[in-house]
Amino acid sequence: MKVSVCTLAFGREEHLTNLVNGLKQSERPPGELVIAVMQDTRYQLPSASFPIRQIVMGANAIPLAKARNLAASAASGEFLVFLDVDCIPAPALVGDYVAAAEMADGLLMGEVGYLPKGATCDGIDYAAFDRIAVKHRDRNGPPQDAIGRCRDYRCFWSLNFALKASLFGEIGGFDPRFVGYGGEDTDFGRTIDEHGVDIWWVRGAKAYHQYHPHHMPPVHHINSVLENSMIFREKWGHHTMQHWVRAFVLMGLVERQEDGTFVKLREPDEHDLALTRQQEDEPYASSTVVLEQLEASAKAAAEGATVSPRPTMAVA
């Protein structure tokens, strides 16, 4: 079975280079790497024993859903592995996915370990990665066995997943109406679920997520989050990303209307960015941590008390 690894990239050339170098150490090399390039210029990447194909989309917004569909349509493999550009695949990732696909049909989700800042300064060191990478507190898995059923489509994240190319085509891929950050993953998971396709956690098939400054909840993407939430509501009858929108409400950024829609009240300011900014000593940003603080502050304000703000540090 030919395996095509698909990714999409905008900037982050160093991260993409590490992804390629990780694939070069695969115990089972992929048949090809297909990159949907969301900028005007191709990347200068290291050579590999497998073909690397870059599909240049140009610099028009950040069409994540469209980019994944484009990479999938250009792929020639019977089996597709999707990796975020920030992911470095473990040597066993491709082989683990192929083995899991022989055990179960459906959508497969491998493990993700989050690396702290500076973890890749000396190149790829898997032994070091295993010592320092951490699991995201809000993500389930891995299962006790080789595979384990996931019964909540909302758990789907596009960082690291795999499925047969024929299945991706049958469900129509990602909905290209979702443009920019937010919502397209939950929509894809819901679509998978509506088609009666099983979702599986996979023990192994591990990818290491490279550090980059980020904000959670993603106040820097507030416009696309609100727009995509409305698209999801129109499609499925309810909002998604409700924890992010709840945080935006508590921050005074948006307001819920009587008809259930949300309107933006103001642009995020430096205080909002500082509150949500990933700290340099954190391998990942957590919406849960910020939302817990906002809820505590709202409760304290209602009771006439105060809550100490989350300590923040500047990110260069």
Protein backbone atom coordinates (compact mmCIF):
# COMPACT_ATOMS: atom_id res chain seq x y z
CA MET A 1 0.00 0.00 0.00
CA LYS A 2 1.45 3.33 -1.06
CA VAL A 3 1.40 5.95 1.68
CA SER A 4 1.25 9.65 0.88
CA VAL A 5 2.11 12.08 3.65
CA CYS A 6 0.25 15.37 3.24
CA THR A 7 0.95 18.67 4.93
CA LEU A 8 0.23 22.35 4.39
CA ALA A 9 2.53 25.23 5.11
CA PHE A 10 2.64 28.99 5.38
CA GLY A 11 6.05 30.27 6.50
CA ARG A 12 7.77 28.14 9.18
CA GLU A 13 10.41 26.85 6.77
CA GLU A 14 12.53 25.50 9.63
CA HIS A 15 9.60 23.49 10.97
CA LEU A 16 8.85 22.06 7.51
CA THR A 17 12.52 21.16 7.06
CA ASN A 18 12.39 19.26 10.35
CA LEU A 19 9.26 17.46 9.18
CA VAL A 20 11.13 16.34 6.04
CA ASN A 21 14.19 15.30 8.02
CA GLY A 22 11.94 13.33 10.36
CA LEU A 23 10.34 11.49 7.46
CA LYS A 24 13.81 10.67 6.14
CA GLN A 25 14.33 8.63 9.31
CA SER A 26 11.11 6.66 8.84
CA GLU A 27 11.42 2.94 9.38
CA ARG A 28 8.88 2.66 6.56
CA PRO A 29 9.52 5.59 4.18
CA PRO A 30 6.42 7.20 2.68
CA GLY A 31 5.72 6.90 -1.02
CA GLU A 32 5.74 10.69 -1.28
CA LEU A 33 5.33 13.94 0.61
CA VAL A 34 2.76 16.38 -0.78
CA ILE A 35 2.85 19.96 0.49
CA ALA A 36 0.08 22.50 -0.08
CA VAL A 37 2.05 25.76 -0.09
CA MET A 38 -0.08 28.67 1.15
CA GLN A 39 2.33 31.33 -0.09
CA ASP A 40 3.73 32.51 -3.41
CA THR A 41 7.13 30.85 -3.17
CA ARG A 42 8.25 27.24 -2.95
CA TYR A 43 10.33 26.02 -0.04
CA GLN A 44 14.00 25.09 -0.27
CA LEU A 45 13.93 21.66 1.33
CA PRO A 46 16.46 18.87 1.88
CA SER A 47 16.52 16.04 -0.64
CA ALA A 48 14.98 12.73 0.30
CA SER A 49 14.67 9.18 -0.98
CA PHE A 50 10.95 9.78 -1.58
CA PRO A 51 9.42 12.39 -3.93
CA ILE A 52 8.54 15.76 -2.42
CA ARG A 53 5.85 17.63 -4.33
CA GLN A 54 4.97 21.24 -3.59
CA ILE A 55 1.58 22.58 -4.77
CA VAL A 56 1.79 26.37 -4.69
CA MET A 57 -1.56 27.94 -3.80
CA GLY A 58 -0.41 31.53 -3.43
CA ALA A 59 -0.84 33.88 -0.51
CA ASN A 60 -4.59 34.28 -0.28
CA ALA A 61 -5.74 34.16 3.34
CA ILE A 62 -5.07 30.87 5.16
CA PRO A 63 -7.43 28.36 3.52
CA LEU A 64 -6.60 25.40 5.77
CA ALA A 65 -9.55 23.25 4.67
CA LYS A 66 -8.96 23.93 0.96
CA ALA A 67 -5.23 23.26 1.36
CA ARG A 68 -5.80 19.83 2.92
CA ASN A 69 -8.21 18.94 0.12
CA LEU A 70 -5.70 20.08 -2.47
CA ALA A 71 -2.91 18.00 -0.95
CA ALA A 72 -5.19 14.97 -0.80
CA SER A 73 -6.31 15.38 -4.41
CA ALA A 74 -2.71 15.63 -5.58
CA ALA A 75 -1.59 12.59 -3.58
CA SER A 76 -1.17 9.30 -5.45
CA GLY A 77 -1.15 6.97 -2.45
CA GLU A 78 -3.99 4.68 -1.39
CA PHE A 79 -3.42 5.75 2.22
CA LEU A 80 -3.05 9.35 3.43
CA VAL A 81 -1.22 10.55 6.51
CA PHE A 82 -1.85 14.20 7.39
CA LEU A 83 0.71 16.03 9.49
CA ASP A 84 0.68 19.61 10.65
CA VAL A 85 3.75 21.54 9.46
CA ASP A 86 4.84 21.83 13.09
CA CYS A 87 5.03 18.04 13.49
CA ILE A 88 8.17 15.92 13.36
CA PRO A 89 7.15 12.30 12.71
CA ALA A 90 8.66 9.57 14.87
CA PRO A 91 10.49 6.86 12.88
CA ALA A 92 7.62 4.42 13.49
CA LEU A 93 4.78 6.80 12.58
CA VAL A 94 4.12 5.64 9.02
CA GLY A 95 4.46 1.96 9.91
CA ASP A 96 2.24 2.34 12.97
CA TYR A 97 -0.52 3.87 10.87
CA VAL A 98 -0.30 1.12 8.26
CA ALA A 99 -0.49 -1.53 11.01
CA ALA A 100 -3.48 0.25 12.60
CA ALA A 101 -5.25 0.44 9.23
CA GLU A 102 -4.96 -3.33 8.96
CA MET A 103 -6.80 -3.66 12.29
CA ALA A 104 -9.64 -1.17 11.75
CA ASP A 105 -11.37 0.87 9.09
CA GLY A 106 -11.98 4.54 9.67
CA LEU A 107 -10.18 7.67 10.77
CA LEU A 108 -6.99 7.08 12.76
CA MET A 109 -5.43 9.58 15.19
CA GLY A 110 -1.86 9.08 16.40
CA GLU A 111 -0.11 10.44 19.46
CA VAL A 112 1.27 13.98 19.73
CA GLY A 113 4.04 15.04 22.09
CA TYR A 114 4.57 18.78 22.59
CA LEU A 115 8.17 19.97 22.63
CA PRO A 116 9.36 22.97 24.66
CA LYS A 117 11.11 25.95 23.14
CA GLY A 118 14.62 25.15 21.91
CA ALA A 119 14.07 21.40 21.68
CA THR A 120 15.18 21.26 18.05
CA CYS A 121 18.14 23.65 18.28
CA ASP A 122 20.57 20.71 17.99
CA GLY A 123 18.55 18.91 15.34
CA ILE A 124 16.33 15.87 15.67
CA ASP A 125 17.09 13.79 18.77
CA TYR A 126 14.26 11.35 19.33
CA ALA A 127 15.64 10.09 22.65
CA ALA A 128 15.67 13.67 23.94
CA PHE A 129 12.22 14.32 22.48
CA ASP A 130 10.83 11.31 24.37
CA ARG A 131 12.26 12.68 27.63
CA ILE A 132 10.91 16.21 27.30
CA ALA A 133 7.76 16.01 25.16
CA VAL A 134 4.46 16.26 27.02
CA LYS A 135 0.92 15.29 26.19
CA HIS A 136 -1.67 18.05 25.85
CA ARG A 137 -3.83 18.17 28.98
CA ASP A 138 -7.02 18.57 26.94
CA ARG A 139 -6.39 15.65 24.58
CA ASN A 140 -7.33 12.04 25.27
CA GLY A 141 -5.40 8.97 24.24
CA PRO A 142 -3.31 7.02 23.67
CA PRO A 143 -5.41 3.88 24.16
CA GLN A 144 -4.31 0.97 26.32
CA ASP A 145 -4.35 -1.33 23.31
CA ALA A 146 -2.90 -0.75 19.86
CA ILE A 147 -6.08 1.05 18.85
CA GLY A 148 -9.05 2.34 20.85
CA ARG A 149 -12.41 3.66 19.76
CA CYS A 150 -13.02 7.41 20.04
CA ARG A 151 -16.75 8.07 20.42
CA ASP A 152 -16.67 11.88 20.40
CA TYR A 153 -16.07 13.46 17.00
CA ARG A 154 -15.12 16.71 18.74
CA CYS A 155 -11.85 15.06 19.75
CA PHE A 156 -10.65 15.18 16.16
CA TRP A 157 -7.60 17.41 15.66
CA SER A 158 -5.90 17.64 12.30
CA LEU A 159 -2.37 17.73 13.72
CA ASN A 160 -1.73 14.05 13.08
CA PHE A 161 -4.26 11.72 11.48
CA ALA A 162 -4.60 9.15 8.70
CA LEU A 163 -7.23 7.46 6.59
CA LYS A 164 -7.68 5.73 3.24
CA ALA A 165 -7.68 8.07 0.26
CA SER A 166 -10.92 6.49 -0.92
CA LEU A 167 -12.62 7.36 2.39
CA PHE A 168 -11.39 10.95 2.22
CA GLY A 169 -12.98 11.18 -1.24
CA GLU A 170 -16.24 9.53 -0.17
CA ILE A 171 -16.88 12.04 2.60
CA GLY A 172 -15.85 14.99 0.41
CA GLY A 173 -12.82 16.06 2.40
CA PHE A 174 -12.84 19.26 4.44
CA ASP A 175 -15.50 21.92 3.85
CA PRO A 176 -13.69 24.73 1.98
CA ARG A 177 -16.13 27.32 3.31
CA PHE A 178 -14.08 27.27 6.50
CA VAL A 179 -11.33 29.79 5.82
CA GLY A 180 -8.76 30.84 8.37
CA TYR A 181 -8.33 29.49 11.86
CA GLY A 182 -11.02 27.54 13.66
CA GLY A 183 -13.90 25.16 13.13
CA GLU A 184 -12.78 23.11 10.15
CA ASP A 185 -11.54 20.23 12.30
CA THR A 186 -14.78 19.89 14.28
CA ASP A 187 -16.76 20.10 11.06
CA PHE A 188 -14.64 17.34 9.52
CA GLY A 189 -15.07 15.19 12.64
CA ARG A 190 -18.83 15.76 12.57
CA THR A 191 -18.95 14.87 8.88
CA ILE A 192 -17.01 11.67 9.54
CA ASP A 193 -19.45 10.83 12.35
CA GLU A 194 -22.51 11.56 10.19
CA HIS A 195 -21.18 9.14 7.58
CA GLY A 196 -21.02 6.41 10.20
CA VAL A 197 -17.24 6.18 9.99
CA ASP A 198 -15.43 5.00 13.11
CA ILE A 199 -12.78 7.19 14.72
CA TRP A 200 -9.84 5.47 16.41
CA TRP A 201 -7.06 6.51 18.76
CA VAL A 202 -3.77 4.84 17.84
CA ARG A 203 -1.06 3.92 20.32
CA GLY A 204 2.09 5.14 18.62
CA ALA A 205 2.03 6.84 15.20
CA LYS A 206 3.62 9.63 17.21
CA ALA A 207 4.47 13.12 16.05
CA TYR A 208 6.42 15.72 18.02
CA HIS A 209 4.93 19.20 17.86
CA GLN A 210 7.53 21.95 17.53
CA TYR A 211 7.21 25.01 19.74
CA HIS A 212 5.99 28.29 18.31
CA PRO A 213 4.46 31.32 20.04
CA HIS A 214 0.70 31.09 20.09
CA HIS A 215 -2.41 32.42 21.78
CA MET A 216 -5.19 30.35 23.34
CA PRO A 217 -8.02 31.12 23.11
CA PRO A 218 -6.94 32.43 19.68
CA VAL A 219 -7.81 36.10 20.08
CA HIS A 220 -5.55 36.90 17.14
CA HIS A 221 -7.94 34.89 14.95
CA ILE A 222 -11.17 36.20 16.49
CA ASN A 223 -12.69 37.20 13.14
CA SER A 224 -12.29 33.79 11.50
CA VAL A 225 -13.39 32.01 14.68
CA LEU A 226 -16.66 33.97 14.72
CA GLU A 227 -17.23 33.60 10.98
CA ASN A 228 -16.51 29.87 11.00
CA SER A 229 -18.67 29.36 14.07
CA MET A 230 -21.58 30.85 12.13
CA ILE A 231 -20.89 28.59 9.14
CA PHE A 232 -20.91 25.60 11.48
CA ARG A 233 -24.19 26.78 13.07
CA GLU A 234 -25.85 27.19 9.68
CA LYS A 235 -24.69 23.71 8.69
CA TRP A 236 -25.31 21.74 11.88
CA GLY A 237 -27.76 23.85 13.90
CA HIS A 238 -25.45 24.82 16.74
CA HIS A 239 -22.21 26.65 17.36
CA THR A 240 -18.79 25.10 17.72
CA MET A 241 -15.68 26.41 19.48
CA GLN A 242 -18.02 27.39 22.32
CA HIS A 243 -15.23 27.43 24.93
CA TRP A 244 -13.30 29.97 22.84
CA VAL A 245 -16.36 32.12 22.26
CA ARG A 246 -17.23 31.90 25.96
CA ALA A 247 -13.77 33.26 26.75
CA PHE A 248 -14.24 36.06 24.22
CA VAL A 249 -17.51 36.98 25.96
CA LEU A 250 -15.85 37.05 29.38
CA MET A 251 -13.04 39.18 27.96
CA GLY A 252 -15.60 41.67 26.64
CA LEU A 253 -14.60 41.04 23.04
CA VAL A 254 -17.93 39.72 21.79
CA GLU A 255 -21.56 39.73 22.86
CA ARG A 256 -24.24 37.11 22.36
CA GLN A 257 -27.39 38.37 20.61
CA GLU A 258 -30.96 37.25 21.26
CA ASP A 259 -30.96 35.17 18.07
CA GLY A 260 -27.93 33.21 19.28
CA THR A 261 -25.40 34.93 17.04
CA PHE A 262 -22.32 36.75 18.32
CA VAL A 263 -21.09 40.23 17.42
CA LYS A 264 -17.61 41.57 18.01
CA LEU A 265 -17.51 44.56 20.32
CA ARG A 266 -13.87 45.55 19.96
CA GLU A 267 -10.46 44.47 18.72
CA PRO A 268 -8.21 42.52 21.13
CA ASP A 269 -5.74 44.78 22.92
CA GLU A 270 -2.38 44.08 24.55
CA HIS A 271 -4.04 42.99 27.78
CA ASP A 272 -6.01 40.33 25.88
CA LEU A 273 -2.90 39.19 24.03
CA ALA A 274 -0.89 39.00 27.27
CA LEU A 275 -3.62 36.97 28.97
CA THR A 276 -3.78 34.39 26.17
CA ARG A 277 -0.13 34.34 25.15
CA GLN A 278 1.72 31.04 25.40
CA GLN A 279 4.49 31.34 27.96
CA GLU A 280 8.05 30.53 26.96
CA ASP A 281 8.20 27.71 29.48
CA GLU A 282 4.98 26.13 28.23
CA PRO A 283 5.19 23.54 25.41
CA TYR A 284 1.64 24.40 24.36
CA ALA A 285 -1.01 27.03 25.03
CA SER A 286 -4.14 25.93 26.88
CA SER A 287 -7.55 27.50 26.45
CA THR A 288 -8.71 25.62 29.55
CA VAL A 289 -6.23 27.40 31.82
CA VAL A 290 -7.26 30.85 30.57
CA LEU A 291 -10.96 30.06 30.62
CA GLU A 292 -10.73 28.79 34.20
CA GLN A 293 -9.15 32.08 35.21
CA LEU A 294 -11.76 34.12 33.37
CA GLU A 295 -14.60 32.15 34.97
CA ALA A 296 -13.01 32.58 38.41
CA SER A 297 -12.61 36.31 37.82
CA ALA A 298 -16.23 36.62 36.69
CA LYS A 299 -17.42 34.71 39.77
CA ALA A 300 -15.24 36.77 42.07
CA ALA A 301 -16.46 40.01 40.50
CA ALA A 302 -20.04 38.91 41.08
CA GLU A 303 -19.17 38.25 44.71
CA GLY A 304 -17.20 41.49 45.11
CA ALA A 305 -13.78 39.76 45.39
CA THR A 306 -10.70 39.81 43.13
CA VAL A 307 -8.58 37.11 41.48
CA SER A 308 -4.84 37.46 40.89
CA PRO A 309 -4.11 37.64 37.16
CA ARG A 310 -2.25 34.86 35.36
CA PRO A 311 1.47 35.66 35.38
CA THR A 312 2.74 36.48 31.91
CA MET A 313 6.11 37.05 30.32
CA ALA A 314 7.07 38.73 27.09
CA VAL A 315 7.69 36.56 24.04
CA ALA A 316 10.43 37.76 21.75
